[in-house]
């Protein structure tokens, strides 16, 4: 299994394997480069700025090559790269963001903590909530979410990571992944409700 950073403050994995230079380039081109578009999309959703997104992706790939010895061939390269990118964003790019470093989950929890909004009843955005809506409207609503909520929606509903993979990428328990995703989807659902109603899609967003 690939070695991952132990804490959120560590933006890169620790080297553990001794690949030759030729093997490193082969791994980089075969395992890492196919994910560059997804990496950019993730970076842009996090930073909401093209230049910052490009810088973040470049920084991520530089770190990935530098610490390629900790990557085990045959494991999930995309998840490994996403974790490096996420940690780089937290350590470097989030510092200059105007957004608060953490979301006040208590405030959001009091809004959605009811019996009819349990996690298992959360609508999968891929299936219903955004199925008929215009992409730009969804993107605008998504970008308006606090970054921690935005991130879980990107990882699950756009990139298709499992809860287990998300827990590793974000360095949080699976239970936290589930609850955070549930709250994030509800926040996005509320932001889309008015637009959906105006377009005649309010039935999709009503419980």
N, C-alpha and C. Protein backbone atom coordinates (compact mmCIF):
# COMPACT_ATOMS: atom_id res chain seq x y z
N UNK A 1 0.84 -1.19 0.00
CA UNK A 1 0.00 0.00 0.00
C UNK A 1 0.88 1.24 0.00
N UNK A 2 0.45 2.28 -0.71
CA UNK A 2 1.23 3.50 -0.79
C UNK A 2 1.28 4.19 0.55
N UNK A 3 2.45 4.74 0.87
CA UNK A 3 2.61 5.49 2.10
C UNK A 3 2.01 6.87 1.93
N UNK A 4 1.23 7.31 2.93
CA UNK A 4 0.58 8.61 2.87
C UNK A 4 1.04 9.47 4.03
N UNK A 5 0.86 10.77 3.93
CA UNK A 5 1.21 11.65 5.04
C UNK A 5 0.43 11.28 6.29
N UNK A 6 1.05 11.42 7.43
CA UNK A 6 0.40 11.06 8.68
C UNK A 6 -0.54 12.15 9.16
N UNK A 7 -0.26 13.40 8.82
CA UNK A 7 -1.08 14.50 9.30
C UNK A 7 -1.46 15.41 8.16
N UNK A 8 -2.45 16.27 8.42
CA UNK A 8 -2.90 17.22 7.42
C UNK A 8 -1.83 18.25 7.11
N UNK A 9 -0.90 18.48 8.04
CA UNK A 9 0.12 19.50 7.82
C UNK A 9 1.24 19.01 6.93
N UNK A 10 1.30 17.70 6.71
CA UNK A 10 2.36 17.13 5.87
C UNK A 10 1.83 17.04 4.45
N UNK A 11 2.37 17.82 3.55
CA UNK A 11 1.80 17.92 2.21
C UNK A 11 2.31 16.86 1.26
N UNK A 12 3.30 16.06 1.67
CA UNK A 12 3.85 15.06 0.77
C UNK A 12 4.15 13.77 1.51
N UNK A 13 4.06 12.62 0.79
CA UNK A 13 4.38 11.35 1.41
C UNK A 13 5.88 11.20 1.64
N UNK A 14 6.25 10.26 2.50
CA UNK A 14 7.66 10.00 2.78
C UNK A 14 8.18 8.91 1.84
N UNK A 15 9.37 9.11 1.25
CA UNK A 15 9.92 8.12 0.33
C UNK A 15 10.15 6.78 1.02
N UNK A 16 9.78 5.68 0.34
CA UNK A 16 9.97 4.35 0.91
C UNK A 16 10.50 3.34 -0.10
N UNK A 17 10.49 3.65 -1.40
CA UNK A 17 10.91 2.69 -2.41
C UNK A 17 12.05 3.25 -3.25
N UNK A 18 12.83 2.32 -3.82
CA UNK A 18 13.99 2.74 -4.60
C UNK A 18 13.85 2.45 -6.07
N UNK A 19 12.98 3.19 -6.76
CA UNK A 19 12.84 3.04 -8.20
C UNK A 19 14.05 3.63 -8.91
N UNK A 20 14.38 3.06 -10.06
CA UNK A 20 15.41 3.67 -10.90
C UNK A 20 14.82 4.92 -11.55
N UNK A 21 15.69 5.77 -12.10
CA UNK A 21 15.20 6.99 -12.76
C UNK A 21 14.28 6.65 -13.92
N UNK A 22 14.62 5.61 -14.66
CA UNK A 22 13.78 5.19 -15.78
C UNK A 22 12.42 4.74 -15.28
N UNK A 23 12.39 3.97 -14.20
CA UNK A 23 11.12 3.52 -13.64
C UNK A 23 10.28 4.69 -13.14
N UNK A 24 10.94 5.68 -12.56
CA UNK A 24 10.21 6.85 -12.07
C UNK A 24 9.49 7.57 -13.20
N UNK A 25 10.19 7.75 -14.32
CA UNK A 25 9.57 8.43 -15.46
C UNK A 25 8.45 7.59 -16.06
N UNK A 26 8.63 6.27 -16.06
CA UNK A 26 7.58 5.39 -16.57
C UNK A 26 6.33 5.48 -15.70
N UNK A 27 6.53 5.44 -14.40
CA UNK A 27 5.40 5.54 -13.47
C UNK A 27 4.72 6.90 -13.62
N UNK A 28 5.51 7.94 -13.70
CA UNK A 28 4.97 9.29 -13.81
C UNK A 28 4.10 9.42 -15.05
N UNK A 29 4.59 8.95 -16.18
CA UNK A 29 3.86 9.09 -17.44
C UNK A 29 2.67 8.14 -17.53
N UNK A 30 2.83 6.94 -17.00
CA UNK A 30 1.77 5.93 -17.12
C UNK A 30 0.70 6.07 -16.05
N UNK A 31 1.12 6.33 -14.82
CA UNK A 31 0.19 6.32 -13.69
C UNK A 31 -0.35 7.71 -13.33
N UNK A 32 0.48 8.74 -13.51
CA UNK A 32 0.10 10.06 -13.02
C UNK A 32 -0.48 10.99 -14.09
N UNK A 33 0.15 11.04 -15.25
CA UNK A 33 -0.26 12.01 -16.27
C UNK A 33 -1.69 11.83 -16.78
N UNK A 34 -2.23 10.60 -16.85
CA UNK A 34 -3.61 10.45 -17.32
C UNK A 34 -4.64 11.18 -16.45
N UNK A 35 -4.25 11.57 -15.25
CA UNK A 35 -5.20 12.21 -14.33
C UNK A 35 -5.07 13.73 -14.30
N UNK A 36 -4.30 14.29 -15.21
CA UNK A 36 -4.02 15.73 -15.12
C UNK A 36 -5.27 16.59 -15.30
N UNK A 37 -6.20 16.16 -16.15
CA UNK A 37 -7.43 16.94 -16.33
C UNK A 37 -8.27 16.94 -15.06
N UNK A 38 -8.40 15.77 -14.44
CA UNK A 38 -9.15 15.69 -13.18
C UNK A 38 -8.46 16.49 -12.09
N UNK A 39 -7.14 16.48 -12.10
CA UNK A 39 -6.39 17.25 -11.12
C UNK A 39 -6.66 18.74 -11.28
N UNK A 40 -6.67 19.20 -12.53
CA UNK A 40 -6.93 20.63 -12.76
C UNK A 40 -8.35 20.99 -12.34
N UNK A 41 -9.32 20.14 -12.69
CA UNK A 41 -10.70 20.42 -12.31
C UNK A 41 -10.85 20.52 -10.80
N UNK A 42 -10.20 19.59 -10.09
CA UNK A 42 -10.25 19.61 -8.63
C UNK A 42 -9.59 20.88 -8.09
N UNK A 43 -8.43 21.20 -8.63
CA UNK A 43 -7.71 22.40 -8.19
C UNK A 43 -8.52 23.66 -8.44
N UNK A 44 -9.16 23.73 -9.59
CA UNK A 44 -9.95 24.93 -9.92
C UNK A 44 -11.15 25.06 -9.00
N UNK A 45 -11.79 23.93 -8.68
CA UNK A 45 -12.94 23.98 -7.78
C UNK A 45 -12.52 24.41 -6.38
N UNK A 46 -11.30 24.06 -5.99
CA UNK A 46 -10.81 24.46 -4.68
C UNK A 46 -10.42 25.93 -4.64
N UNK A 47 -9.69 26.36 -5.67
CA UNK A 47 -9.14 27.72 -5.67
C UNK A 47 -10.06 28.74 -6.32
N UNK A 48 -10.92 28.29 -7.23
CA UNK A 48 -11.80 29.14 -8.05
C UNK A 48 -11.00 30.20 -8.82
N UNK A 49 -9.77 29.87 -9.15
CA UNK A 49 -8.91 30.79 -9.90
C UNK A 49 -8.03 29.98 -10.84
N UNK A 50 -8.02 30.34 -12.12
CA UNK A 50 -7.29 29.55 -13.11
C UNK A 50 -5.79 29.52 -12.85
N UNK A 51 -5.22 30.67 -12.55
CA UNK A 51 -3.78 30.72 -12.31
C UNK A 51 -3.39 29.93 -11.07
N UNK A 52 -4.17 30.09 -10.00
CA UNK A 52 -3.88 29.33 -8.78
C UNK A 52 -4.05 27.84 -9.02
N UNK A 53 -5.06 27.48 -9.81
CA UNK A 53 -5.29 26.06 -10.11
C UNK A 53 -4.12 25.48 -10.88
N UNK A 54 -3.65 26.20 -11.89
CA UNK A 54 -2.49 25.73 -12.66
C UNK A 54 -1.25 25.60 -11.77
N UNK A 55 -1.04 26.58 -10.91
CA UNK A 55 0.11 26.52 -10.00
C UNK A 55 -0.01 25.34 -9.04
N UNK A 56 -1.22 25.11 -8.56
CA UNK A 56 -1.44 24.02 -7.62
C UNK A 56 -1.20 22.66 -8.26
N UNK A 57 -1.67 22.50 -9.50
CA UNK A 57 -1.44 21.24 -10.22
C UNK A 57 0.04 21.04 -10.49
N UNK A 58 0.71 22.09 -10.93
CA UNK A 58 2.15 21.99 -11.19
C UNK A 58 2.90 21.61 -9.92
N UNK A 59 2.55 22.26 -8.83
CA UNK A 59 3.18 21.96 -7.55
C UNK A 59 2.93 20.52 -7.13
N UNK A 60 1.71 20.06 -7.36
CA UNK A 60 1.36 18.68 -7.01
C UNK A 60 2.17 17.67 -7.80
N UNK A 61 2.31 17.90 -9.09
CA UNK A 61 3.07 16.96 -9.92
C UNK A 61 4.56 17.00 -9.60
N UNK A 62 5.07 18.16 -9.25
CA UNK A 62 6.47 18.23 -8.83
C UNK A 62 6.69 17.42 -7.55
N UNK A 63 5.77 17.55 -6.61
CA UNK A 63 5.88 16.79 -5.37
C UNK A 63 5.67 15.30 -5.62
N UNK A 64 4.75 14.98 -6.53
CA UNK A 64 4.50 13.57 -6.85
C UNK A 64 5.76 12.91 -7.41
N UNK A 65 6.47 13.62 -8.28
CA UNK A 65 7.69 13.04 -8.84
C UNK A 65 8.79 12.97 -7.78
N UNK A 66 8.89 14.00 -6.98
CA UNK A 66 9.93 14.02 -5.95
C UNK A 66 9.75 12.88 -4.96
N UNK A 67 8.52 12.58 -4.62
CA UNK A 67 8.23 11.55 -3.63
C UNK A 67 7.62 10.30 -4.26
N UNK A 68 7.96 10.06 -5.51
CA UNK A 68 7.40 8.93 -6.23
C UNK A 68 7.78 7.60 -5.61
N UNK A 69 8.87 7.59 -4.84
CA UNK A 69 9.31 6.36 -4.20
C UNK A 69 8.30 5.83 -3.19
N UNK A 70 7.39 6.68 -2.74
CA UNK A 70 6.38 6.21 -1.78
C UNK A 70 5.12 5.69 -2.47
N UNK A 71 5.07 5.80 -3.79
CA UNK A 71 3.91 5.31 -4.53
C UNK A 71 4.12 3.86 -4.93
N UNK A 72 3.13 3.03 -4.65
CA UNK A 72 3.20 1.61 -5.03
C UNK A 72 2.42 1.39 -6.32
N UNK A 73 3.09 0.89 -7.32
CA UNK A 73 2.43 0.63 -8.60
C UNK A 73 1.27 -0.33 -8.41
N UNK A 74 0.18 -0.05 -9.12
CA UNK A 74 -0.99 -0.90 -9.03
C UNK A 74 -2.02 -0.40 -8.03
N UNK A 75 -1.64 0.57 -7.19
CA UNK A 75 -2.60 1.17 -6.28
C UNK A 75 -3.26 2.37 -6.96
N UNK A 76 -4.15 3.04 -6.25
CA UNK A 76 -4.95 4.11 -6.83
C UNK A 76 -4.13 5.39 -6.97
N UNK A 77 -3.56 5.60 -8.15
CA UNK A 77 -2.72 6.77 -8.38
C UNK A 77 -3.52 8.06 -8.28
N UNK A 78 -4.75 8.04 -8.74
CA UNK A 78 -5.58 9.24 -8.71
C UNK A 78 -5.82 9.70 -7.27
N UNK A 79 -6.17 8.77 -6.41
CA UNK A 79 -6.39 9.11 -5.00
C UNK A 79 -5.11 9.62 -4.35
N UNK A 80 -3.99 9.01 -4.71
CA UNK A 80 -2.68 9.42 -4.17
C UNK A 80 -2.36 10.86 -4.57
N UNK A 81 -2.60 11.18 -5.84
CA UNK A 81 -2.36 12.53 -6.34
C UNK A 81 -3.32 13.54 -5.72
N UNK A 82 -4.58 13.15 -5.59
CA UNK A 82 -5.56 14.06 -5.01
C UNK A 82 -5.21 14.41 -3.58
N UNK A 83 -4.65 13.44 -2.86
CA UNK A 83 -4.28 13.73 -1.47
C UNK A 83 -3.12 14.72 -1.41
N UNK A 84 -2.15 14.56 -2.28
CA UNK A 84 -1.05 15.53 -2.33
C UNK A 84 -1.59 16.91 -2.68
N UNK A 85 -2.48 16.98 -3.67
CA UNK A 85 -3.04 18.26 -4.08
C UNK A 85 -3.83 18.90 -2.95
N UNK A 86 -4.64 18.09 -2.29
CA UNK A 86 -5.45 18.61 -1.19
C UNK A 86 -4.57 19.17 -0.08
N UNK A 87 -3.52 18.45 0.28
CA UNK A 87 -2.63 18.92 1.35
C UNK A 87 -1.86 20.17 0.92
N UNK A 88 -1.47 20.21 -0.35
CA UNK A 88 -0.78 21.40 -0.85
C UNK A 88 -1.71 22.61 -0.80
N UNK A 89 -2.96 22.40 -1.15
CA UNK A 89 -3.94 23.48 -1.09
C UNK A 89 -4.09 24.00 0.34
N UNK A 90 -4.19 23.08 1.29
CA UNK A 90 -4.36 23.48 2.68
C UNK A 90 -3.14 24.24 3.18
N UNK A 91 -1.96 23.71 2.86
CA UNK A 91 -0.73 24.28 3.42
C UNK A 91 -0.29 25.57 2.74
N UNK A 92 -0.53 25.68 1.44
CA UNK A 92 0.03 26.80 0.68
C UNK A 92 -1.01 27.79 0.17
N UNK A 93 -2.06 27.29 -0.48
CA UNK A 93 -2.97 28.17 -1.19
C UNK A 93 -4.12 28.66 -0.32
N UNK A 94 -4.53 27.84 0.65
CA UNK A 94 -5.64 28.24 1.49
C UNK A 94 -5.27 29.42 2.39
N UNK A 95 -3.97 29.56 2.64
CA UNK A 95 -3.52 30.64 3.52
C UNK A 95 -3.86 32.02 2.95
N UNK A 96 -3.86 32.12 1.62
CA UNK A 96 -4.15 33.42 1.01
C UNK A 96 -5.60 33.55 0.59
N UNK A 97 -6.42 32.56 0.96
CA UNK A 97 -7.85 32.62 0.66
C UNK A 97 -8.56 33.45 1.72
N UNK A 98 -9.63 34.11 1.32
CA UNK A 98 -10.42 34.89 2.26
C UNK A 98 -11.41 34.01 3.02
N UNK A 99 -11.52 32.74 2.60
CA UNK A 99 -12.44 31.85 3.27
C UNK A 99 -11.88 31.47 4.63
N UNK A 100 -12.74 31.22 5.63
CA UNK A 100 -12.25 30.73 6.91
C UNK A 100 -11.62 29.36 6.75
N UNK A 101 -10.65 29.06 7.57
CA UNK A 101 -9.91 27.80 7.45
C UNK A 101 -10.79 26.60 7.68
N UNK A 102 -11.79 26.73 8.53
CA UNK A 102 -12.66 25.62 8.83
C UNK A 102 -14.11 26.07 8.75
N UNK A 103 -14.98 25.11 8.47
CA UNK A 103 -16.40 25.38 8.42
C UNK A 103 -16.98 25.24 9.82
N UNK A 104 -17.91 26.10 10.19
CA UNK A 104 -18.60 25.94 11.46
C UNK A 104 -19.70 24.91 11.26
N UNK A 105 -19.34 23.64 11.46
CA UNK A 105 -20.27 22.56 11.20
C UNK A 105 -21.45 22.59 12.18
N UNK A 106 -21.26 23.17 13.35
CA UNK A 106 -22.34 23.20 14.32
C UNK A 106 -23.53 24.00 13.79
N UNK A 107 -23.26 25.14 13.17
CA UNK A 107 -24.33 25.96 12.62
C UNK A 107 -25.09 25.23 11.53
N UNK A 108 -24.34 24.54 10.68
CA UNK A 108 -24.99 23.81 9.60
C UNK A 108 -25.75 22.62 10.14
N UNK A 109 -25.17 21.97 11.14
CA UNK A 109 -25.78 20.78 11.70
C UNK A 109 -27.12 21.11 12.33
N UNK A 110 -27.25 22.25 12.99
CA UNK A 110 -28.51 22.61 13.61
C UNK A 110 -29.59 22.85 12.56
N UNK A 111 -29.16 23.21 11.35
CA UNK A 111 -30.12 23.46 10.28
C UNK A 111 -30.69 22.17 9.72
N UNK A 112 -29.84 21.15 9.61
CA UNK A 112 -30.24 19.93 8.92
C UNK A 112 -30.35 18.72 9.82
N UNK A 113 -30.20 18.89 11.12
CA UNK A 113 -30.21 17.75 12.03
C UNK A 113 -31.65 17.40 12.40
N UNK A 114 -32.33 16.71 11.50
CA UNK A 114 -33.70 16.29 11.74
C UNK A 114 -33.88 14.86 11.26
N UNK A 115 -34.95 14.21 11.70
CA UNK A 115 -35.15 12.80 11.39
C UNK A 115 -35.33 12.57 9.90
N UNK A 116 -35.88 13.54 9.19
CA UNK A 116 -36.13 13.34 7.77
C UNK A 116 -34.94 13.71 6.91
N UNK A 117 -33.80 14.00 7.53
CA UNK A 117 -32.61 14.33 6.75
C UNK A 117 -31.42 13.50 7.19
N UNK A 118 -31.66 12.22 7.48
CA UNK A 118 -30.58 11.33 7.86
C UNK A 118 -29.69 11.07 6.65
N UNK A 119 -28.45 10.67 6.91
CA UNK A 119 -27.48 10.49 5.84
C UNK A 119 -27.96 9.50 4.79
N UNK A 120 -28.60 8.41 5.22
CA UNK A 120 -28.99 7.40 4.24
C UNK A 120 -30.06 7.89 3.29
N UNK A 121 -30.72 9.01 3.63
CA UNK A 121 -31.75 9.55 2.76
C UNK A 121 -31.23 10.68 1.88
N UNK A 122 -29.95 10.94 1.95
CA UNK A 122 -29.37 12.02 1.16
C UNK A 122 -29.46 11.69 -0.33
N UNK A 123 -29.87 12.67 -1.11
CA UNK A 123 -29.96 12.49 -2.56
C UNK A 123 -28.57 12.49 -3.17
N UNK A 124 -28.30 11.51 -4.02
CA UNK A 124 -27.04 11.49 -4.76
C UNK A 124 -27.14 12.52 -5.88
N UNK A 125 -26.27 13.50 -5.87
CA UNK A 125 -26.36 14.58 -6.85
C UNK A 125 -26.25 14.08 -8.27
N UNK A 126 -25.52 12.99 -8.47
CA UNK A 126 -25.38 12.45 -9.82
C UNK A 126 -26.70 11.89 -10.31
N UNK A 127 -27.54 11.45 -9.40
CA UNK A 127 -28.76 10.77 -9.79
C UNK A 127 -29.93 11.72 -10.00
N UNK A 128 -30.08 12.71 -9.11
CA UNK A 128 -31.28 13.53 -9.18
C UNK A 128 -31.03 15.03 -9.15
N UNK A 129 -30.42 15.52 -8.12
CA UNK A 129 -30.41 16.95 -7.85
C UNK A 129 -29.93 17.78 -9.02
N UNK A 130 -28.86 17.36 -9.67
CA UNK A 130 -28.33 18.18 -10.76
C UNK A 130 -28.57 17.55 -12.13
N UNK A 131 -29.41 16.54 -12.19
CA UNK A 131 -29.56 15.79 -13.43
C UNK A 131 -30.10 16.63 -14.57
N UNK A 132 -30.99 17.59 -14.27
CA UNK A 132 -31.62 18.38 -15.32
C UNK A 132 -31.23 19.85 -15.30
N UNK A 133 -30.30 20.21 -14.43
CA UNK A 133 -29.96 21.62 -14.30
C UNK A 133 -28.79 21.99 -15.18
N UNK A 134 -28.73 23.27 -15.54
CA UNK A 134 -27.66 23.77 -16.39
C UNK A 134 -26.35 23.76 -15.62
N UNK A 135 -25.29 23.29 -16.27
CA UNK A 135 -24.01 23.11 -15.61
C UNK A 135 -23.46 24.36 -14.96
N UNK A 136 -23.59 25.52 -15.63
CA UNK A 136 -23.04 26.75 -15.08
C UNK A 136 -23.71 27.13 -13.77
N UNK A 137 -25.01 26.89 -13.67
CA UNK A 137 -25.72 27.22 -12.45
C UNK A 137 -25.27 26.32 -11.30
N UNK A 138 -25.08 25.04 -11.60
CA UNK A 138 -24.60 24.11 -10.58
C UNK A 138 -23.20 24.49 -10.15
N UNK A 139 -22.35 24.83 -11.11
CA UNK A 139 -20.97 25.20 -10.80
C UNK A 139 -20.93 26.44 -9.92
N UNK A 140 -21.77 27.42 -10.23
CA UNK A 140 -21.81 28.64 -9.43
C UNK A 140 -22.24 28.35 -8.01
N UNK A 141 -23.28 27.52 -7.87
CA UNK A 141 -23.75 27.16 -6.53
C UNK A 141 -22.69 26.36 -5.78
N UNK A 142 -22.04 25.44 -6.48
CA UNK A 142 -21.01 24.63 -5.86
C UNK A 142 -19.85 25.49 -5.38
N UNK A 143 -19.43 26.43 -6.21
CA UNK A 143 -18.31 27.29 -5.84
C UNK A 143 -18.62 28.20 -4.66
N UNK A 144 -19.90 28.43 -4.41
CA UNK A 144 -20.29 29.30 -3.30
C UNK A 144 -20.28 28.58 -1.95
N UNK A 145 -20.16 27.25 -1.98
CA UNK A 145 -20.11 26.49 -0.73
C UNK A 145 -18.78 26.70 -0.02
N UNK A 146 -18.74 26.61 1.30
CA UNK A 146 -17.46 26.60 2.01
C UNK A 146 -16.58 25.48 1.47
N UNK A 147 -15.29 25.69 1.44
CA UNK A 147 -14.39 24.79 0.73
C UNK A 147 -14.45 23.36 1.24
N UNK A 148 -14.64 23.14 2.54
CA UNK A 148 -14.68 21.78 3.05
C UNK A 148 -15.90 21.02 2.54
N UNK A 149 -17.03 21.71 2.42
CA UNK A 149 -18.22 21.09 1.86
C UNK A 149 -18.07 20.90 0.36
N UNK A 150 -17.52 21.90 -0.29
CA UNK A 150 -17.30 21.81 -1.74
C UNK A 150 -16.43 20.62 -2.08
N UNK A 151 -15.41 20.39 -1.27
CA UNK A 151 -14.46 19.32 -1.55
C UNK A 151 -15.10 17.95 -1.55
N UNK A 152 -15.96 17.66 -0.57
CA UNK A 152 -16.54 16.32 -0.50
C UNK A 152 -17.48 16.06 -1.66
N UNK A 153 -18.19 17.10 -2.11
CA UNK A 153 -19.06 16.93 -3.27
C UNK A 153 -18.24 16.66 -4.52
N UNK A 154 -17.15 17.38 -4.68
CA UNK A 154 -16.28 17.16 -5.84
C UNK A 154 -15.74 15.74 -5.83
N UNK A 155 -15.23 15.31 -4.70
CA UNK A 155 -14.61 13.98 -4.62
C UNK A 155 -15.62 12.87 -4.85
N UNK A 156 -16.81 12.99 -4.27
CA UNK A 156 -17.79 11.91 -4.38
C UNK A 156 -18.64 12.00 -5.64
N UNK A 157 -19.30 13.13 -5.84
CA UNK A 157 -20.31 13.23 -6.89
C UNK A 157 -19.75 13.58 -8.26
N UNK A 158 -18.55 14.14 -8.30
CA UNK A 158 -17.94 14.48 -9.59
C UNK A 158 -16.84 13.50 -9.96
N UNK A 159 -15.94 13.23 -9.00
CA UNK A 159 -14.80 12.35 -9.29
C UNK A 159 -15.09 10.88 -9.00
N UNK A 160 -16.13 10.58 -8.24
CA UNK A 160 -16.54 9.20 -8.04
C UNK A 160 -15.73 8.40 -7.05
N UNK A 161 -15.04 9.07 -6.13
CA UNK A 161 -14.29 8.34 -5.11
C UNK A 161 -15.25 7.69 -4.12
N UNK A 162 -14.84 6.55 -3.56
CA UNK A 162 -15.61 5.89 -2.52
C UNK A 162 -15.43 6.62 -1.20
N UNK A 163 -16.27 6.31 -0.23
CA UNK A 163 -16.12 6.91 1.09
C UNK A 163 -14.75 6.58 1.69
N UNK A 164 -14.32 5.33 1.47
CA UNK A 164 -13.02 4.92 2.01
C UNK A 164 -11.88 5.72 1.38
N UNK A 165 -11.94 5.91 0.08
CA UNK A 165 -10.91 6.70 -0.61
C UNK A 165 -10.94 8.15 -0.16
N UNK A 166 -12.14 8.68 0.01
CA UNK A 166 -12.27 10.06 0.47
C UNK A 166 -11.71 10.23 1.87
N UNK A 167 -11.94 9.26 2.72
CA UNK A 167 -11.42 9.33 4.08
C UNK A 167 -9.90 9.41 4.08
N UNK A 168 -9.26 8.66 3.17
CA UNK A 168 -7.80 8.69 3.08
C UNK A 168 -7.31 10.01 2.49
N UNK A 169 -8.01 10.49 1.47
CA UNK A 169 -7.60 11.75 0.84
C UNK A 169 -7.71 12.91 1.82
N UNK A 170 -8.79 12.92 2.61
CA UNK A 170 -9.07 14.04 3.50
C UNK A 170 -8.53 13.85 4.91
N UNK A 171 -8.03 12.65 5.21
CA UNK A 171 -7.52 12.36 6.55
C UNK A 171 -8.59 12.53 7.63
N UNK A 172 -9.78 12.01 7.35
CA UNK A 172 -10.87 12.08 8.32
C UNK A 172 -11.56 10.72 8.36
N UNK A 173 -12.28 10.40 9.45
CA UNK A 173 -12.99 9.12 9.53
C UNK A 173 -14.10 9.03 8.48
N UNK A 174 -14.45 7.80 8.12
CA UNK A 174 -15.51 7.58 7.14
C UNK A 174 -16.82 8.20 7.62
N UNK A 175 -17.09 8.09 8.92
CA UNK A 175 -18.31 8.69 9.46
C UNK A 175 -18.37 10.19 9.23
N UNK A 176 -17.23 10.84 9.34
CA UNK A 176 -17.17 12.28 9.09
C UNK A 176 -17.39 12.58 7.61
N UNK A 177 -16.85 11.71 6.75
CA UNK A 177 -17.08 11.86 5.31
C UNK A 177 -18.57 11.82 5.02
N UNK A 178 -19.25 10.83 5.58
CA UNK A 178 -20.69 10.67 5.32
C UNK A 178 -21.49 11.88 5.81
N UNK A 179 -21.22 12.31 7.03
CA UNK A 179 -21.99 13.43 7.58
C UNK A 179 -21.68 14.73 6.86
N UNK A 180 -20.42 14.93 6.52
CA UNK A 180 -20.04 16.16 5.82
C UNK A 180 -20.65 16.19 4.42
N UNK A 181 -20.66 15.04 3.75
CA UNK A 181 -21.25 14.97 2.41
C UNK A 181 -22.75 15.22 2.47
N UNK A 182 -23.38 14.65 3.48
CA UNK A 182 -24.82 14.85 3.65
C UNK A 182 -25.16 16.33 3.82
N UNK A 183 -24.41 17.00 4.66
CA UNK A 183 -24.65 18.42 4.90
C UNK A 183 -24.32 19.26 3.67
N UNK A 184 -23.25 18.87 2.99
CA UNK A 184 -22.85 19.61 1.79
C UNK A 184 -23.92 19.51 0.71
N UNK A 185 -24.46 18.30 0.53
CA UNK A 185 -25.50 18.12 -0.48
C UNK A 185 -26.74 18.93 -0.13
N UNK A 186 -27.08 18.98 1.14
CA UNK A 186 -28.24 19.76 1.54
C UNK A 186 -28.02 21.26 1.34
N UNK A 187 -26.81 21.72 1.62
CA UNK A 187 -26.50 23.12 1.37
C UNK A 187 -26.61 23.46 -0.12
N UNK A 188 -26.06 22.58 -0.95
CA UNK A 188 -26.13 22.81 -2.39
C UNK A 188 -27.56 22.74 -2.88
N UNK A 189 -28.30 21.80 -2.31
CA UNK A 189 -29.70 21.64 -2.67
C UNK A 189 -30.49 22.93 -2.40
N UNK A 190 -30.23 23.56 -1.27
CA UNK A 190 -30.91 24.81 -0.94
C UNK A 190 -30.52 25.92 -1.90
N UNK A 191 -29.25 25.97 -2.26
CA UNK A 191 -28.78 27.02 -3.18
C UNK A 191 -29.39 26.85 -4.57
N UNK A 192 -29.67 25.60 -4.94
CA UNK A 192 -30.22 25.34 -6.27
C UNK A 192 -31.74 25.40 -6.30
N UNK A 193 -32.37 25.43 -5.14
CA UNK A 193 -33.83 25.31 -5.09
C UNK A 193 -34.54 26.42 -5.87
N UNK A 194 -34.13 27.65 -5.65
CA UNK A 194 -34.80 28.77 -6.33
C UNK A 194 -34.62 28.69 -7.84
N UNK A 195 -33.39 28.36 -8.25
CA UNK A 195 -33.15 28.26 -9.69
C UNK A 195 -33.95 27.10 -10.28
N UNK A 196 -33.96 25.98 -9.59
CA UNK A 196 -34.69 24.81 -10.09
C UNK A 196 -36.17 25.11 -10.22
N UNK A 197 -36.72 25.81 -9.25
CA UNK A 197 -38.14 26.15 -9.29
C UNK A 197 -38.45 27.05 -10.49
N UNK A 198 -37.57 27.99 -10.77
CA UNK A 198 -37.79 28.89 -11.89
C UNK A 198 -37.73 28.17 -13.22
N UNK A 199 -37.02 27.04 -13.24
CA UNK A 199 -36.89 26.26 -14.47
C UNK A 199 -37.88 25.10 -14.52
N UNK A 200 -38.72 24.99 -13.48
CA UNK A 200 -39.71 23.92 -13.46
C UNK A 200 -39.19 22.60 -12.96
N UNK A 201 -38.04 22.61 -12.26
CA UNK A 201 -37.46 21.36 -11.77
C UNK A 201 -37.56 21.25 -10.26
N UNK A 202 -38.46 22.02 -9.66
CA UNK A 202 -38.55 22.02 -8.21
C UNK A 202 -38.92 20.66 -7.64
N UNK A 203 -39.58 19.82 -8.42
CA UNK A 203 -39.95 18.50 -7.93
C UNK A 203 -38.72 17.67 -7.60
N UNK A 204 -37.64 17.87 -8.35
CA UNK A 204 -36.42 17.12 -8.10
C UNK A 204 -35.79 17.49 -6.76
N UNK A 205 -36.03 18.72 -6.30
CA UNK A 205 -35.35 19.20 -5.12
C UNK A 205 -36.23 19.18 -3.88
N UNK A 206 -37.47 18.78 -4.03
CA UNK A 206 -38.36 18.69 -2.88
C UNK A 206 -38.25 17.31 -2.26
N UNK A 207 -38.27 17.25 -0.91
CA UNK A 207 -38.20 15.97 -0.22
C UNK A 207 -39.51 15.22 -0.40
